[in-house]
Protein backbone atom coordinates (compact mmCIF):
# COMPACT_ATOMS: atom_id res chain seq x y z
CA UNK A 1 77.07 144.54 187.16
CA UNK A 2 78.02 141.52 189.06
CA UNK A 3 81.82 140.82 189.26
CA UNK A 4 80.87 137.22 187.86
CA UNK A 5 79.36 138.98 184.89
CA UNK A 6 82.26 141.14 183.85
CA UNK A 7 84.45 140.87 180.94
CA UNK A 8 87.15 138.45 180.91
CA UNK A 9 89.45 141.32 179.94
CA UNK A 10 89.27 142.62 183.41
CA UNK A 11 90.79 139.61 184.81
CA UNK A 12 92.97 138.54 182.00
CA UNK A 13 96.27 139.19 183.75
CA UNK A 14 95.35 136.66 186.27
CA UNK A 15 94.53 134.15 183.67
CA UNK A 16 97.47 134.45 181.62
CA UNK A 17 99.58 134.31 184.65
CA UNK A 18 98.22 130.90 185.54
CA UNK A 19 98.10 129.45 182.18
CA UNK A 20 101.82 130.48 181.79
CA UNK A 21 102.72 128.39 184.66
CA UNK A 22 101.43 124.92 183.45
CA UNK A 23 99.82 123.26 180.61
CA UNK A 24 97.06 121.96 182.60
CA UNK A 25 95.95 125.52 183.77
CA UNK A 26 95.47 126.19 180.05
CA UNK A 27 93.37 122.98 179.30
CA UNK A 28 91.41 123.92 182.66
CA UNK A 29 90.80 127.42 181.04
CA UNK A 30 89.83 126.00 177.90
CA UNK A 31 87.42 123.56 179.52
CA UNK A 32 85.64 126.66 180.70
CA UNK A 33 85.55 128.45 177.48
CA UNK A 34 84.51 125.93 174.83
CA UNK A 35 81.59 124.11 176.11
CA UNK A 36 79.63 127.39 175.76
CA UNK A 37 78.60 129.24 172.78
CA UNK A 38 80.84 132.28 171.98
CA UNK A 39 78.41 134.83 173.51
CA UNK A 40 78.83 133.35 177.06
CA UNK A 41 81.75 134.56 179.18
CA UNK A 42 82.34 132.01 181.93
CA UNK A 43 82.18 133.70 185.35
CA UNK A 44 85.25 134.13 187.57
CA UNK A 45 83.66 131.93 189.94
CA UNK A 46 84.03 129.08 187.42
CA UNK A 47 87.49 129.99 186.59
CA UNK A 48 88.74 130.45 190.41
CA UNK A 49 87.39 126.96 191.09
CA UNK A 50 88.97 125.35 187.79
CA UNK A 51 92.12 127.00 188.73
CA UNK A 52 92.05 126.06 192.30
CA UNK A 53 91.23 122.25 191.34
CA UNK A 54 93.97 122.21 188.88
CA UNK A 55 96.29 123.63 191.43
CA UNK A 56 95.23 120.75 193.75
CA UNK A 57 95.68 118.11 191.08
CA UNK A 58 99.21 119.29 189.68
CA UNK A 59 100.58 120.62 192.85
CA UNK A 60 103.15 117.85 193.19
CA UNK A 61 104.29 118.24 189.67
CA UNK A 62 105.16 122.06 189.81
CA UNK A 63 108.45 123.02 190.43
CA UNK A 64 109.26 124.49 194.00
CA UNK A 65 109.88 127.92 192.29
CA UNK A 66 106.68 127.93 190.57
CA UNK A 67 104.79 126.98 193.69
CA UNK A 68 106.24 130.02 195.40
CA UNK A 69 105.76 132.29 192.39
CA UNK A 70 101.96 131.49 192.31
CA UNK A 71 101.65 132.01 195.88
CA UNK A 72 103.55 135.17 195.90
CA UNK A 73 101.09 136.33 193.05
CA UNK A 74 98.15 135.35 195.26
CA UNK A 75 99.59 137.29 198.01
CA UNK A 76 99.86 140.51 196.40
CA UNK A 77 96.46 140.03 194.98
CA UNK A 78 95.01 139.46 198.48
CA UNK A 79 96.83 142.38 200.09
CA UNK A 80 95.98 144.89 197.03
CA UNK A 81 93.00 146.47 198.30
CA UNK A 82 92.93 149.10 195.85
CA UNK A 83 91.84 146.73 193.05
CA UNK A 84 88.72 145.17 193.57
CA UNK A 85 89.53 142.59 190.66
CA UNK A 86 92.82 141.75 192.04
CA UNK A 87 91.43 141.08 195.47
CA UNK A 88 88.43 139.00 194.24
CA UNK A 89 90.50 136.97 192.03
CA UNK A 90 92.74 136.10 194.80
CA UNK A 91 90.86 135.75 197.66
CA UNK A 92 88.26 133.85 195.59
CA UNK A 93 91.18 131.39 194.69
CA UNK A 94 92.40 130.98 198.36
CA UNK A 95 88.49 130.42 199.19
CA UNK A 96 88.40 127.52 196.46
CA UNK A 97 91.56 125.86 197.76
CA UNK A 98 90.10 125.98 201.41
CA UNK A 99 86.88 124.77 200.07
CA UNK A 100 87.98 121.81 197.83
CA UNK A 101 91.05 120.33 199.36
CA UNK A 102 91.21 117.28 201.55
CA UNK A 103 93.24 117.83 204.86
CA UNK A 104 96.20 115.98 203.40
CA UNK A 105 96.23 118.20 200.09
CA UNK A 106 95.77 121.28 202.17
CA UNK A 107 98.53 120.47 204.79
CA UNK A 108 101.00 120.46 201.74
CA UNK A 109 99.48 123.66 200.00
CA UNK A 110 98.90 125.92 203.13
CA UNK A 111 102.91 125.68 203.72
CA UNK A 112 103.16 128.33 200.50
CA UNK A 113 100.41 130.65 201.53
CA UNK A 114 102.11 133.96 202.69
CA UNK A 115 101.20 135.91 205.80
CA UNK A 116 97.93 137.81 204.57
CA UNK A 117 96.83 134.85 202.24
CA UNK A 118 97.53 132.48 204.91
CA UNK A 119 95.61 134.73 207.39
CA UNK A 120 92.65 134.97 204.90
CA UNK A 121 92.71 131.10 204.62
CA UNK A 122 92.58 130.52 208.21
CA UNK A 123 89.49 133.03 208.61
CA UNK A 124 87.81 131.54 205.58
CA UNK A 125 88.33 128.20 206.89
CA UNK A 126 86.76 129.28 210.28
CA UNK A 127 83.88 131.07 208.63
CA UNK A 128 82.79 128.15 206.47
CA UNK A 129 83.28 125.74 209.72
CA UNK A 130 80.96 127.72 211.98
CA UNK A 131 78.49 128.78 208.96
CA UNK A 132 78.09 125.02 208.06
CA UNK A 133 77.59 123.99 211.86
CA UNK A 134 75.13 126.72 212.34
CA UNK A 135 73.16 125.67 209.08
CA UNK A 136 73.03 121.80 210.15
């Protein structure tokens, strides 16, 4: 079974972490859940994109301590290679931030990445640049 088809329960810890940080994360989550019928479980990819976009939109509203807590949480997930759900969620979040921010937004946000998540963000950014150039 593909990761994006797995049960929400497998990554509920990550969902609850984000929705506890700001009401807009909860709104973002609800937007992913309720347009669909109850048999549909939104994919991890949709949630990651939604949480990343929410982070970008509300970044300046977040308290300094919350920003640090979010990116420490992401760092711990990126380096936790024993748990593929944790790694997938956190690296996917980093990828979504890199993919969807403007240069100005990214400049503010990248200051909060810690060593491994920043390294991953830089590698992902470089990978997407070289891949896009090759495809064009």
